């Protein structure tokens, strides 16, 4: 009988933990939570935030990315730039042009210039 009780309690506890984790994983992040997480240091959390970013309406997604490009450190700006490149060209190109001209990090400006060259090459084909 005692073994049965221990098994039932274990099953209940493990079941609850699984449900709590599932609920947390499914919770939608706010744009500010996404921004904060993308600017953070936890790689796994950044990946989750990137998934959440792509669920935002386009205007909110652009706002978050522009804020990260304006306020973030170099790795965060590079991540934001890579996400901008996933946007439609008509939206992405002006943002990338601004980064290519104004970003304080030379490597990020070069990356943005390379992205612009890719758009030009695609237009020639």
PDB file of N, CA and C in Angstrom:
ATOM      1  N   UNK A   1       0.821  -1.201   0.000  1.00  0.00           N
ATOM      2  CA  UNK A   1       0.000   0.000   0.000  1.00  0.00           C
ATOM      3  C   UNK A   1       0.865   1.265   0.000  1.00  0.00           C
ATOM      4  N   UNK A   2       1.936   1.221   0.812  1.00  0.00           N
ATOM      5  CA  UNK A   2       2.815   2.390   0.886  1.00  0.00           C
ATOM      6  C   UNK A   2       3.465   2.655  -0.470  1.00  0.00           C
ATOM      7  N   UNK A   3       3.874   1.640  -1.182  1.00  0.00           N
ATOM      8  CA  UNK A   3       4.481   1.798  -2.500  1.00  0.00           C
ATOM      9  C   UNK A   3       3.496   2.454  -3.456  1.00  0.00           C
ATOM     10  N   UNK A   4       2.235   2.037  -3.377  1.00  0.00           N
ATOM     11  CA  UNK A   4       1.207   2.625  -4.225  1.00  0.00           C
ATOM     12  C   UNK A   4       1.046   4.121  -3.917  1.00  0.00           C
ATOM     13  N   UNK A   5       1.036   4.486  -2.641  1.00  0.00           N
ATOM     14  CA  UNK A   5       0.881   5.885  -2.241  1.00  0.00           C
ATOM     15  C   UNK A   5       2.057   6.720  -2.731  1.00  0.00           C
ATOM     16  N   UNK A   6       3.276   6.192  -2.583  1.00  0.00           N
ATOM     17  CA  UNK A   6       4.476   6.904  -3.045  1.00  0.00           C
ATOM     18  C   UNK A   6       4.420   7.078  -4.562  1.00  0.00           C
ATOM     19  N   UNK A   7       3.997   6.026  -5.246  1.00  0.00           N
ATOM     20  CA  UNK A   7       3.893   6.099  -6.708  1.00  0.00           C
ATOM     21  C   UNK A   7       2.872   7.149  -7.131  1.00  0.00           C
ATOM     22  N   UNK A   8       1.762   7.215  -6.440  1.00  0.00           N
ATOM     23  CA  UNK A   8       0.716   8.194  -6.781  1.00  0.00           C
ATOM     24  C   UNK A   8       1.195   9.620  -6.513  1.00  0.00           C
ATOM     25  N   UNK A   9       1.861   9.829  -5.382  1.00  0.00           N
ATOM     26  CA  UNK A   9       2.390  11.156  -5.069  1.00  0.00           C
ATOM     27  C   UNK A   9       3.439  11.549  -6.104  1.00  0.00           C
ATOM     28  N   UNK A  10       4.325  10.631  -6.458  1.00  0.00           N
ATOM     29  CA  UNK A  10       5.348  10.912  -7.472  1.00  0.00           C
ATOM     30  C   UNK A  10       4.715  11.261  -8.809  1.00  0.00           C
ATOM     31  N   UNK A  11       3.712  10.485  -9.183  1.00  0.00           N
ATOM     32  CA  UNK A  11       3.023  10.745 -10.444  1.00  0.00           C
ATOM     33  C   UNK A  11       2.377  12.125 -10.427  1.00  0.00           C
ATOM     34  N   UNK A  12       1.759  12.487  -9.314  1.00  0.00           N
ATOM     35  CA  UNK A  12       1.125  13.791  -9.178  1.00  0.00           C
ATOM     36  C   UNK A  12       2.166  14.907  -9.283  1.00  0.00           C
ATOM     37  N   UNK A  13       3.279  14.751  -8.528  1.00  0.00           N
ATOM     38  CA  UNK A  13       4.310  15.791  -8.535  1.00  0.00           C
ATOM     39  C   UNK A  13       4.941  15.941  -9.910  1.00  0.00           C
ATOM     40  N   UNK A  14       5.290  14.839 -10.536  1.00  0.00           N
ATOM     41  CA  UNK A  14       5.894  14.928 -11.863  1.00  0.00           C
ATOM     42  C   UNK A  14       4.903  15.481 -12.878  1.00  0.00           C
ATOM     43  N   UNK A  15       3.639  15.124 -12.728  1.00  0.00           N
ATOM     44  CA  UNK A  15       2.601  15.652 -13.616  1.00  0.00           C
ATOM     45  C   UNK A  15       2.461  17.151 -13.475  1.00  0.00           C
ATOM     46  N   UNK A  16       2.513  17.634 -12.243  1.00  0.00           N
ATOM     47  CA  UNK A  16       2.395  19.077 -12.004  1.00  0.00           C
ATOM     48  C   UNK A  16       3.582  19.828 -12.576  1.00  0.00           C
ATOM     49  N   UNK A  17       4.765  19.291 -12.359  1.00  0.00           N
ATOM     50  CA  UNK A  17       5.955  19.965 -12.878  1.00  0.00           C
ATOM     51  C   UNK A  17       5.864  20.058 -14.387  1.00  0.00           C
ATOM     52  N   UNK A  18       5.457  18.977 -15.032  1.00  0.00           N
ATOM     53  CA  UNK A  18       5.323  19.001 -16.488  1.00  0.00           C
ATOM     54  C   UNK A  18       4.304  20.031 -16.947  1.00  0.00           C
ATOM     55  N   UNK A  19       3.206  20.142 -16.239  1.00  0.00           N
ATOM     56  CA  UNK A  19       2.184  21.116 -16.622  1.00  0.00           C
ATOM     57  C   UNK A  19       2.664  22.542 -16.393  1.00  0.00           C
ATOM     58  N   UNK A  20       3.366  22.764 -15.311  1.00  0.00           N
ATOM     59  CA  UNK A  20       3.876  24.107 -15.045  1.00  0.00           C
ATOM     60  C   UNK A  20       4.858  24.508 -16.128  1.00  0.00           C
ATOM     61  N   UNK A  21       5.751  23.611 -16.478  1.00  0.00           N
ATOM     62  CA  UNK A  21       6.731  23.910 -17.523  1.00  0.00           C
ATOM     63  C   UNK A  21       6.026  24.139 -18.851  1.00  0.00           C
ATOM     64  N   UNK A  22       5.057  23.282 -19.189  1.00  0.00           N
ATOM     65  CA  UNK A  22       4.332  23.452 -20.447  1.00  0.00           C
ATOM     66  C   UNK A  22       3.627  24.791 -20.494  1.00  0.00           C
ATOM     67  N   UNK A  23       3.002  25.199 -19.407  1.00  0.00           N
ATOM     68  CA  UNK A  23       2.289  26.468 -19.369  1.00  0.00           C
ATOM     69  C   UNK A  23       3.262  27.623 -19.588  1.00  0.00           C
ATOM     70  N   UNK A  24       4.414  27.555 -18.926  1.00  0.00           N
ATOM     71  CA  UNK A  24       5.408  28.626 -19.057  1.00  0.00           C
ATOM     72  C   UNK A  24       5.937  28.699 -20.491  1.00  0.00           C
ATOM     73  N   UNK A  25       6.185  27.543 -21.107  1.00  0.00           N
ATOM     74  CA  UNK A  25       6.714  27.539 -22.459  1.00  0.00           C
ATOM     75  C   UNK A  25       5.705  28.102 -23.459  1.00  0.00           C
ATOM     76  N   UNK A  26       4.448  27.951 -23.189  1.00  0.00           N
ATOM     77  CA  UNK A  26       3.419  28.388 -24.138  1.00  0.00           C
ATOM     78  C   UNK A  26       3.013  29.842 -23.940  1.00  0.00           C
ATOM     79  N   UNK A  27       3.423  30.447 -22.828  1.00  0.00           N
ATOM     80  CA  UNK A  27       3.033  31.816 -22.538  1.00  0.00           C
ATOM     81  C   UNK A  27       3.652  32.759 -23.565  1.00  0.00           C
ATOM     82  N   UNK A  28       2.843  33.618 -24.118  1.00  0.00           N
ATOM     83  CA  UNK A  28       3.322  34.601 -25.078  1.00  0.00           C
ATOM     84  C   UNK A  28       4.057  35.718 -24.343  1.00  0.00           C
ATOM     85  N   UNK A  29       5.164  36.155 -24.900  1.00  0.00           N
ATOM     86  CA  UNK A  29       5.936  37.237 -24.312  1.00  0.00           C
ATOM     87  C   UNK A  29       5.443  38.566 -24.867  1.00  0.00           C
ATOM     88  N   UNK A  30       5.542  39.597 -24.050  1.00  0.00           N
ATOM     89  CA  UNK A  30       5.210  40.944 -24.513  1.00  0.00           C
ATOM     90  C   UNK A  30       6.382  41.465 -25.346  1.00  0.00           C
ATOM     91  N   UNK A  31       6.148  42.479 -26.161  1.00  0.00           N
ATOM     92  CA  UNK A  31       7.262  43.060 -26.923  1.00  0.00           C
ATOM     93  C   UNK A  31       8.421  43.504 -26.023  1.00  0.00           C
ATOM     94  N   UNK A  32       8.123  44.068 -24.859  1.00  0.00           N
ATOM     95  CA  UNK A  32       9.194  44.506 -23.963  1.00  0.00           C
ATOM     96  C   UNK A  32       9.956  43.326 -23.372  1.00  0.00           C
ATOM     97  N   UNK A  33       9.256  42.220 -23.088  1.00  0.00           N
ATOM     98  CA  UNK A  33       9.937  41.015 -22.598  1.00  0.00           C
ATOM     99  C   UNK A  33      10.835  40.435 -23.693  1.00  0.00           C
ATOM    100  N   UNK A  34      10.347  40.460 -24.904  1.00  0.00           N
ATOM    101  CA  UNK A  34      11.156  39.969 -26.032  1.00  0.00           C
ATOM    102  C   UNK A  34      12.408  40.812 -26.164  1.00  0.00           C
ATOM    103  N   UNK A  35      12.239  42.112 -26.127  1.00  0.00           N
ATOM    104  CA  UNK A  35      13.373  43.033 -26.255  1.00  0.00           C
ATOM    105  C   UNK A  35      14.393  42.786 -25.139  1.00  0.00           C
ATOM    106  N   UNK A  36      13.924  42.690 -23.926  1.00  0.00           N
ATOM    107  CA  UNK A  36      14.813  42.473 -22.777  1.00  0.00           C
ATOM    108  C   UNK A  36      15.552  41.145 -22.910  1.00  0.00           C
ATOM    109  N   UNK A  37      14.851  40.104 -23.333  1.00  0.00           N
ATOM    110  CA  UNK A  37      15.459  38.782 -23.466  1.00  0.00           C
ATOM    111  C   UNK A  37      16.475  38.753 -24.600  1.00  0.00           C
ATOM    112  N   UNK A  38      16.164  39.391 -25.715  1.00  0.00           N
ATOM    113  CA  UNK A  38      17.114  39.431 -26.833  1.00  0.00           C
ATOM    114  C   UNK A  38      18.378  40.203 -26.468  1.00  0.00           C
ATOM    115  N   UNK A  39      18.261  41.146 -25.563  1.00  0.00           N
ATOM    116  CA  UNK A  39      19.427  41.916 -25.116  1.00  0.00           C
ATOM    117  C   UNK A  39      20.175  41.213 -23.987  1.00  0.00           C
ATOM    118  N   UNK A  40      19.631  40.102 -23.495  1.00  0.00           N
ATOM    119  CA  UNK A  40      20.247  39.382 -22.387  1.00  0.00           C
ATOM    120  C   UNK A  40      21.371  38.464 -22.830  1.00  0.00           C
ATOM    121  N   UNK A  41      21.822  37.652 -21.887  1.00  0.00           N
ATOM    122  CA  UNK A  41      22.978  36.786 -22.122  1.00  0.00           C
ATOM    123  C   UNK A  41      22.632  35.312 -22.324  1.00  0.00           C
ATOM    124  N   UNK A  42      21.401  34.907 -22.019  1.00  0.00           N
ATOM    125  CA  UNK A  42      21.025  33.501 -22.072  1.00  0.00           C
ATOM    126  C   UNK A  42      20.662  33.105 -23.506  1.00  0.00           C
ATOM    127  N   UNK A  43      21.516  32.300 -24.117  1.00  0.00           N
ATOM    128  CA  UNK A  43      21.344  31.898 -25.514  1.00  0.00           C
ATOM    129  C   UNK A  43      20.015  31.175 -25.739  1.00  0.00           C
ATOM    130  N   UNK A  44      19.663  30.260 -24.827  1.00  0.00           N
ATOM    131  CA  UNK A  44      18.409  29.515 -24.998  1.00  0.00           C
ATOM    132  C   UNK A  44      17.204  30.441 -24.913  1.00  0.00           C
ATOM    133  N   UNK A  45      17.258  31.372 -23.980  1.00  0.00           N
ATOM    134  CA  UNK A  45      16.149  32.316 -23.851  1.00  0.00           C
ATOM    135  C   UNK A  45      16.073  33.224 -25.079  1.00  0.00           C
ATOM    136  N   UNK A  46      17.233  33.587 -25.638  1.00  0.00           N
ATOM    137  CA  UNK A  46      17.222  34.405 -26.855  1.00  0.00           C
ATOM    138  C   UNK A  46      16.526  33.675 -27.995  1.00  0.00           C
ATOM    139  N   UNK A  47      16.774  32.382 -28.117  1.00  0.00           N
ATOM    140  CA  UNK A  47      16.113  31.611 -29.173  1.00  0.00           C
ATOM    141  C   UNK A  47      14.601  31.601 -28.984  1.00  0.00           C
ATOM    142  N   UNK A  48      14.156  31.463 -27.741  1.00  0.00           N
ATOM    143  CA  UNK A  48      12.718  31.510 -27.463  1.00  0.00           C
ATOM    144  C   UNK A  48      12.159  32.894 -27.798  1.00  0.00           C
ATOM    145  N   UNK A  49      12.921  33.922 -27.458  1.00  0.00           N
ATOM    146  CA  UNK A  49      12.467  35.288 -27.739  1.00  0.00           C
ATOM    147  C   UNK A  49      12.400  35.537 -29.246  1.00  0.00           C
ATOM    148  N   UNK A  50      13.328  34.971 -29.999  1.00  0.00           N
ATOM    149  CA  UNK A  50      13.285  35.127 -31.456  1.00  0.00           C
ATOM    150  C   UNK A  50      12.030  34.487 -32.025  1.00  0.00           C
ATOM    151  N   UNK A  51      11.665  33.326 -31.492  1.00  0.00           N
ATOM    152  CA  UNK A  51      10.422  32.683 -31.930  1.00  0.00           C
ATOM    153  C   UNK A  51       9.222  33.569 -31.605  1.00  0.00           C
ATOM    154  N   UNK A  52       9.229  34.147 -30.413  1.00  0.00           N
ATOM    155  CA  UNK A  52       8.140  35.021 -29.999  1.00  0.00           C
ATOM    156  C   UNK A  52       8.112  36.295 -30.850  1.00  0.00           C
ATOM    157  N   UNK A  53       9.278  36.808 -31.191  1.00  0.00           N
ATOM    158  CA  UNK A  53       9.371  37.999 -32.027  1.00  0.00           C
ATOM    159  C   UNK A  53       8.639  37.780 -33.341  1.00  0.00           C
ATOM    160  N   UNK A  54       8.816  36.612 -33.914  1.00  0.00           N
ATOM    161  CA  UNK A  54       8.196  36.316 -35.203  1.00  0.00           C
ATOM    162  C   UNK A  54       6.686  36.137 -35.114  1.00  0.00           C
ATOM    163  N   UNK A  55       6.155  36.036 -33.907  1.00  0.00           N
ATOM    164  CA  UNK A  55       4.701  35.934 -33.719  1.00  0.00           C
ATOM    165  C   UNK A  55       4.050  37.306 -33.573  1.00  0.00           C
ATOM    166  N   UNK A  56       4.869  38.331 -33.366  1.00  0.00           N
ATOM    167  CA  UNK A  56       4.313  39.677 -33.199  1.00  0.00           C
ATOM    168  C   UNK A  56       3.759  40.199 -34.519  1.00  0.00           C
ATOM    169  N   UNK A  57       2.782  41.088 -34.454  1.00  0.00           N
ATOM    170  CA  UNK A  57       2.341  41.758 -35.677  1.00  0.00           C
ATOM    171  C   UNK A  57       3.522  42.518 -36.288  1.00  0.00           C
ATOM    172  N   UNK A  58       3.566  42.643 -37.602  1.00  0.00           N
ATOM    173  CA  UNK A  58       4.726  43.253 -38.267  1.00  0.00           C
ATOM    174  C   UNK A  58       5.146  44.608 -37.695  1.00  0.00           C
ATOM    175  N   UNK A  59       4.212  45.482 -37.412  1.00  0.00           N
ATOM    176  CA  UNK A  59       4.577  46.812 -36.907  1.00  0.00           C
ATOM    177  C   UNK A  59       5.267  46.723 -35.554  1.00  0.00           C
ATOM    178  N   UNK A  60       4.778  45.858 -34.675  1.00  0.00           N
ATOM    179  CA  UNK A  60       5.414  45.691 -33.362  1.00  0.00           C
ATOM    180  C   UNK A  60       6.796  45.063 -33.500  1.00  0.00           C
ATOM    181  N   UNK A  61       6.925  44.105 -34.403  1.00  0.00           N
ATOM    182  CA  UNK A  61       8.217  43.454 -34.636  1.00  0.00           C
ATOM    183  C   UNK A  61       9.246  44.495 -35.081  1.00  0.00           C
ATOM    184  N   UNK A  62       8.858  45.356 -36.017  1.00  0.00           N
ATOM    185  CA  UNK A  62       9.764  46.397 -36.507  1.00  0.00           C
ATOM    186  C   UNK A  62      10.141  47.354 -35.370  1.00  0.00           C
ATOM    187  N   UNK A  63       9.186  47.709 -34.541  1.00  0.00           N
ATOM    188  CA  UNK A  63       9.456  48.618 -33.422  1.00  0.00           C
ATOM    189  C   UNK A  63      10.481  48.011 -32.474  1.00  0.00           C
ATOM    190  N   UNK A  64      10.289  46.745 -32.106  1.00  0.00           N
ATOM    191  CA  UNK A  64      11.234  46.078 -31.207  1.00  0.00           C
ATOM    192  C   UNK A  64      12.629  46.048 -31.830  1.00  0.00           C
ATOM    193  N   UNK A  65      12.705  45.695 -33.103  1.00  0.00           N
ATOM    194  CA  UNK A  65      14.003  45.601 -33.774  1.00  0.00           C
ATOM    195  C   UNK A  65      14.690  46.961 -33.869  1.00  0.00           C
ATOM    196  N   UNK A  66      13.934  48.001 -34.186  1.00  0.00           N
ATOM    197  CA  UNK A  66      14.519  49.341 -34.256  1.00  0.00           C
ATOM    198  C   UNK A  66      15.043  49.779 -32.888  1.00  0.00           C
ATOM    199  N   UNK A  67      14.291  49.464 -31.830  1.00  0.00           N
ATOM    200  CA  UNK A  67      14.745  49.815 -30.484  1.00  0.00           C
ATOM    201  C   UNK A  67      16.030  49.069 -30.130  1.00  0.00           C
ATOM    202  N   UNK A  68      16.107  47.802 -30.493  1.00  0.00           N
ATOM    203  CA  UNK A  68      17.323  47.033 -30.221  1.00  0.00           C
ATOM    204  C   UNK A  68      18.510  47.587 -31.008  1.00  0.00           C
ATOM    205  N   UNK A  69      18.265  47.989 -32.240  1.00  0.00           N
ATOM    206  CA  UNK A  69      19.342  48.569 -33.052  1.00  0.00           C
ATOM    207  C   UNK A  69      19.820  49.903 -32.480  1.00  0.00           C
ATOM    208  N   UNK A  70      18.932  50.627 -31.849  1.00  0.00           N
ATOM    209  CA  UNK A  70      19.287  51.933 -31.287  1.00  0.00           C
ATOM    210  C   UNK A  70      19.913  51.829 -29.904  1.00  0.00           C
ATOM    211  N   UNK A  71      19.503  50.838 -29.121  1.00  0.00           N
ATOM    212  CA  UNK A  71      19.881  50.799 -27.711  1.00  0.00           C
ATOM    213  C   UNK A  71      20.809  49.651 -27.334  1.00  0.00           C
ATOM    214  N   UNK A  72      20.860  48.612 -28.136  1.00  0.00           N
ATOM    215  CA  UNK A  72      21.573  47.402 -27.738  1.00  0.00           C
ATOM    216  C   UNK A  72      23.077  47.491 -27.881  1.00  0.00           C
ATOM    217  N   UNK A  73      23.750  46.540 -27.242  1.00  0.00           N
ATOM    218  CA  UNK A  73      25.191  46.428 -27.430  1.00  0.00           C
ATOM    219  C   UNK A  73      25.456  45.790 -28.801  1.00  0.00           C
ATOM    220  N   UNK A  74      26.707  45.672 -29.182  1.00  0.00           N
ATOM    221  CA  UNK A  74      27.037  45.174 -30.526  1.00  0.00           C
ATOM    222  C   UNK A  74      26.441  43.801 -30.830  1.00  0.00           C
ATOM    223  N   UNK A  75      26.571  42.798 -29.943  1.00  0.00           N
ATOM    224  CA  UNK A  75      25.970  41.497 -30.268  1.00  0.00           C
ATOM    225  C   UNK A  75      24.449  41.563 -30.416  1.00  0.00           C
ATOM    226  N   UNK A  76      23.817  42.386 -29.604  1.00  0.00           N
ATOM    227  CA  UNK A  76      22.365  42.528 -29.697  1.00  0.00           C
ATOM    228  C   UNK A  76      21.975  43.219 -30.996  1.00  0.00           C
ATOM    229  N   UNK A  77      22.721  44.237 -31.384  1.00  0.00           N
ATOM    230  CA  UNK A  77      22.420  44.938 -32.646  1.00  0.00           C
ATOM    231  C   UNK A  77      22.627  43.997 -33.834  1.00  0.00           C
ATOM    232  N   UNK A  78      23.645  43.162 -33.774  1.00  0.00           N
ATOM    233  CA  UNK A  78      23.886  42.210 -34.854  1.00  0.00           C
ATOM    234  C   UNK A  78      22.743  41.207 -34.945  1.00  0.00           C
ATOM    235  N   UNK A  79      22.276  40.723 -33.805  1.00  0.00           N
ATOM    236  CA  UNK A  79      21.136  39.815 -33.781  1.00  0.00           C
ATOM    237  C   UNK A  79      19.905  40.504 -34.361  1.00  0.00           C
ATOM    238  N   UNK A  80      19.664  41.748 -33.937  1.00  0.00           N
ATOM    239  CA  UNK A  80      18.509  42.503 -34.443  1.00  0.00           C
ATOM    240  C   UNK A  80      18.619  42.701 -35.954  1.00  0.00           C
ATOM    241  N   UNK A  81      19.810  43.001 -36.422  1.00  0.00           N
ATOM    242  CA  UNK A  81      20.014  43.190 -37.856  1.00  0.00           C
ATOM    243  C   UNK A  81      19.707  41.905 -38.625  1.00  0.00           C
ATOM    244  N   UNK A  82      20.121  40.774 -38.083  1.00  0.00           N
ATOM    245  CA  UNK A  82      19.820  39.508 -38.756  1.00  0.00           C
ATOM    246  C   UNK A  82      18.315  39.248 -38.796  1.00  0.00           C
ATOM    247  N   UNK A  83      17.597  39.690 -37.776  1.00  0.00           N
ATOM    248  CA  UNK A  83      16.138  39.553 -37.773  1.00  0.00           C
ATOM    249  C   UNK A  83      15.496  40.543 -38.746  1.00  0.00           C
ATOM    250  N   UNK A  84      16.057  41.727 -38.878  1.00  0.00           N
ATOM    251  CA  UNK A  84      15.546  42.711 -39.839  1.00  0.00           C
ATOM    252  C   UNK A  84      15.636  42.144 -41.250  1.00  0.00           C
ATOM    253  N   UNK A  85      16.686  41.395 -41.510  1.00  0.00           N
ATOM    254  CA  UNK A  85      16.880  40.837 -42.851  1.00  0.00           C
ATOM    255  C   UNK A  85      15.802  39.823 -43.219  1.00  0.00           C
ATOM    256  N   UNK A  86      15.039  39.344 -42.253  1.00  0.00           N
ATOM    257  CA  UNK A  86      13.942  38.414 -42.519  1.00  0.00           C
ATOM    258  C   UNK A  86      12.659  39.142 -42.923  1.00  0.00           C
ATOM    259  N   UNK A  87      12.648  40.450 -42.720  1.00  0.00           N
ATOM    260  CA  UNK A  87      11.466  41.246 -43.057  1.00  0.00           C
ATOM    261  C   UNK A  87      11.378  41.428 -44.570  1.00  0.00           C
ATOM    262  N   UNK A  88      10.215  41.802 -45.072  1.00  0.00           N
ATOM    263  CA  UNK A  88      10.111  42.109 -46.503  1.00  0.00           C
ATOM    264  C   UNK A  88      11.119  43.206 -46.878  1.00  0.00           C
ATOM    265  N   UNK A  89      11.649  43.117 -48.071  1.00  0.00           N
ATOM    266  CA  UNK A  89      12.699  44.043 -48.512  1.00  0.00           C
ATOM    267  C   UNK A  89      12.268  45.503 -48.371  1.00  0.00           C
ATOM    268  N   UNK A  90      11.033  45.803 -48.689  1.00  0.00           N
ATOM    269  CA  UNK A  90      10.579  47.199 -48.622  1.00  0.00           C
ATOM    270  C   UNK A  90      10.641  47.753 -47.193  1.00  0.00           C
ATOM    271  N   UNK A  91      10.506  46.896 -46.214  1.00  0.00           N
ATOM    272  CA  UNK A  91      10.610  47.309 -44.813  1.00  0.00           C
ATOM    273  C   UNK A  91      12.052  47.262 -44.337  1.00  0.00           C
ATOM    274  N   UNK A  92      12.747  46.197 -44.710  1.00  0.00           N
ATOM    275  CA  UNK A  92      14.096  45.959 -44.198  1.00  0.00           C
ATOM    276  C   UNK A  92      15.145  46.903 -44.775  1.00  0.00           C
ATOM    277  N   UNK A  93      15.062  47.163 -46.051  1.00  0.00           N
ATOM    278  CA  UNK A  93      16.137  47.904 -46.730  1.00  0.00           C
ATOM    279  C   UNK A  93      16.406  49.280 -46.120  1.00  0.00           C
ATOM    280  N   UNK A  94      15.406  50.103 -45.832  1.00  0.00           N
ATOM    281  CA  UNK A  94      15.708  51.411 -45.221  1.00  0.00           C
ATOM    282  C   UNK A  94      16.348  51.278 -43.831  1.00  0.00           C
ATOM    283  N   UNK A  95      15.938  50.269 -43.085  1.00  0.00           N
ATOM    284  CA  UNK A  95      16.526  50.058 -41.762  1.00  0.00           C
ATOM    285  C   UNK A  95      17.990  49.644 -41.907  1.00  0.00           C
ATOM    286  N   UNK A  96      18.251  48.748 -42.830  1.00  0.00           N
ATOM    287  CA  UNK A  96      19.614  48.271 -43.053  1.00  0.00           C
ATOM    288  C   UNK A  96      20.496  49.397 -43.567  1.00  0.00           C
ATOM    289  N   UNK A  97      19.955  50.241 -44.450  1.00  0.00           N
ATOM    290  CA  UNK A  97      20.718  51.391 -44.941  1.00  0.00           C
ATOM    291  C   UNK A  97      21.124  52.310 -43.788  1.00  0.00           C
ATOM    292  N   UNK A  98      20.212  52.529 -42.854  1.00  0.00           N
ATOM    293  CA  UNK A  98      20.513  53.361 -41.693  1.00  0.00           C
ATOM    294  C   UNK A  98      21.624  52.742 -40.850  1.00  0.00           C
ATOM    295  N   UNK A  99      21.549  51.429 -40.641  1.00  0.00           N
ATOM    296  CA  UNK A  99      22.587  50.740 -39.872  1.00  0.00           C
ATOM    297  C   UNK A  99      23.927  50.849 -40.591  1.00  0.00           C
ATOM    298  N   UNK A 100      23.922  50.665 -41.910  1.00  0.00           N
ATOM    299  CA  UNK A 100      25.167  50.728 -42.685  1.00  0.00           C
ATOM    300  C   UNK A 100      25.830  52.098 -42.582  1.00  0.00           C
ATOM    301  N   UNK A 101      25.039  53.137 -42.418  1.00  0.00           N
ATOM    302  CA  UNK A 101      25.585  54.498 -42.326  1.00  0.00           C
ATOM    303  C   UNK A 101      25.915  54.921 -40.902  1.00  0.00           C
ATOM    304  N   UNK A 102      25.128  54.461 -39.932  1.00  0.00           N
ATOM    305  CA  UNK A 102      25.191  55.080 -38.613  1.00  0.00           C
ATOM    306  C   UNK A 102      25.593  54.184 -37.446  1.00  0.00           C
ATOM    307  N   UNK A 103      25.684  52.890 -37.631  1.00  0.00           N
ATOM    308  CA  UNK A 103      26.016  52.051 -36.481  1.00  0.00           C
ATOM    309  C   UNK A 103      27.428  52.364 -35.997  1.00  0.00           C
ATOM    310  N   UNK A 104      27.632  52.419 -34.682  1.00  0.00           N
ATOM    311  CA  UNK A 104      28.957  52.754 -34.158  1.00  0.00           C
ATOM    312  C   UNK A 104      30.002  51.652 -34.359  1.00  0.00           C
ATOM    313  N   UNK A 105      29.555  50.434 -34.634  1.00  0.00           N
ATOM    314  CA  UNK A 105      30.485  49.311 -34.797  1.00  0.00           C
ATOM    315  C   UNK A 105      30.778  49.087 -36.284  1.00  0.00           C
ATOM    316  N   UNK A 106      32.043  49.163 -36.641  1.00  0.00           N
ATOM    317  CA  UNK A 106      32.444  49.022 -38.038  1.00  0.00           C
ATOM    318  C   UNK A 106      32.033  47.670 -38.623  1.00  0.00           C
ATOM    319  N   UNK A 107      32.166  46.604 -37.842  1.00  0.00           N
ATOM    320  CA  UNK A 107      31.817  45.273 -38.343  1.00  0.00           C
ATOM    321  C   UNK A 107      30.311  45.167 -38.642  1.00  0.00           C
ATOM    322  N   UNK A 108      29.509  45.785 -37.810  1.00  0.00           N
ATOM    323  CA  UNK A 108      28.062  45.752 -38.058  1.00  0.00           C
ATOM    324  C   UNK A 108      27.719  46.588 -39.284  1.00  0.00           C
ATOM    325  N   UNK A 109      28.387  47.721 -39.445  1.00  0.00           N
ATOM    326  CA  UNK A 109      28.162  48.529 -40.663  1.00  0.00           C
ATOM    327  C   UNK A 109      28.531  47.718 -41.900  1.00  0.00           C
ATOM    328  N   UNK A 110      29.650  46.986 -41.839  1.00  0.00           N
ATOM    329  CA  UNK A 110      30.068  46.161 -42.975  1.00  0.00           C
ATOM    330  C   UNK A 110      29.061  45.044 -43.246  1.00  0.00           C
ATOM    331  N   UNK A 111      28.549  44.426 -42.191  1.00  0.00           N
ATOM    332  CA  UNK A 111      27.545  43.387 -42.350  1.00  0.00           C
ATOM    333  C   UNK A 111      26.297  43.947 -43.029  1.00  0.00           C
ATOM    334  N   UNK A 112      25.893  45.140 -42.604  1.00  0.00           N
ATOM    335  CA  UNK A 112      24.725  45.791 -43.209  1.00  0.00           C
ATOM    336  C   UNK A 112      24.988  46.112 -44.684  1.00  0.00           C
ATOM    337  N   UNK A 113      26.180  46.578 -44.989  1.00  0.00           N
ATOM    338  CA  UNK A 113      26.540  46.873 -46.386  1.00  0.00           C
ATOM    339  C   UNK A 113      26.495  45.605 -47.236  1.00  0.00           C
ATOM    340  N   UNK A 114      26.959  44.502 -46.678  1.00  0.00           N
ATOM    341  CA  UNK A 114      26.904  43.227 -47.393  1.00  0.00           C
ATOM    342  C   UNK A 114      25.456  42.819 -47.649  1.00  0.00           C
ATOM    343  N   UNK A 115      24.597  43.034 -46.671  1.00  0.00           N
ATOM    344  CA  UNK A 115      23.173  42.724 -46.849  1.00  0.00           C
ATOM    345  C   UNK A 115      22.581  43.572 -47.968  1.00  0.00           C
ATOM    346  N   UNK A 116      22.949  44.856 -48.003  1.00  0.00           N
ATOM    347  CA  UNK A 116      22.456  45.731 -49.078  1.00  0.00           C
ATOM    348  C   UNK A 116      22.941  45.262 -50.437  1.00  0.00           C
ATOM    349  N   UNK A 117      24.185  44.804 -50.513  1.00  0.00           N
ATOM    350  CA  UNK A 117      24.722  44.282 -51.773  1.00  0.00           C
ATOM    351  C   UNK A 117      23.936  43.057 -52.230  1.00  0.00           C
ATOM    352  N   UNK A 118      23.520  42.246 -51.273  1.00  0.00           N
ATOM    353  CA  UNK A 118      22.718  41.064 -51.617  1.00  0.00           C
ATOM    354  C   UNK A 118      21.386  41.478 -52.236  1.00  0.00           C
ATOM    355  N   UNK A 119      20.768  42.518 -51.692  1.00  0.00           N
ATOM    356  CA  UNK A 119      19.521  43.022 -52.274  1.00  0.00           C
ATOM    357  C   UNK A 119      19.760  43.500 -53.706  1.00  0.00           C
ATOM    358  N   UNK A 120      20.864  44.206 -53.920  1.00  0.00           N
ATOM    359  CA  UNK A 120      21.183  44.713 -55.266  1.00  0.00           C
ATOM    360  C   UNK A 120      21.412  43.577 -56.242  1.00  0.00           C
ATOM    361  N   UNK A 121      22.127  42.529 -55.785  1.00  0.00           N
ATOM    362  CA  UNK A 121      22.389  41.397 -56.661  1.00  0.00           C
ATOM    363  C   UNK A 121      21.105  40.664 -57.022  1.00  0.00           C
ATOM    364  N   UNK A 122      20.196  40.548 -56.052  1.00  0.00           N
ATOM    365  CA  UNK A 122      18.916  39.898 -56.317  1.00  0.00           C
ATOM    366  C   UNK A 122      18.096  40.710 -57.317  1.00  0.00           C
ATOM    367  N   UNK A 123      18.206  42.036 -57.240  1.00  0.00           N
ATOM    368  CA  UNK A 123      17.473  42.891 -58.148  1.00  0.00           C
ATOM    369  C   UNK A 123      17.986  42.810 -59.572  1.00  0.00           C
ATOM    370  N   UNK A 124      19.258  42.476 -59.733  1.00  0.00           N
ATOM    371  CA  UNK A 124      19.849  42.376 -61.067  1.00  0.00           C
ATOM    372  C   UNK A 124      19.478  41.100 -61.782  1.00  0.00           C
ATOM    373  N   UNK A 125      19.099  40.080 -61.004  1.00  0.00           N
ATOM    374  CA  UNK A 125      18.779  38.780 -61.623  1.00  0.00           C
ATOM    375  C   UNK A 125      17.423  38.761 -62.254  1.00  0.00           C
TER     376      UNK A 125
END
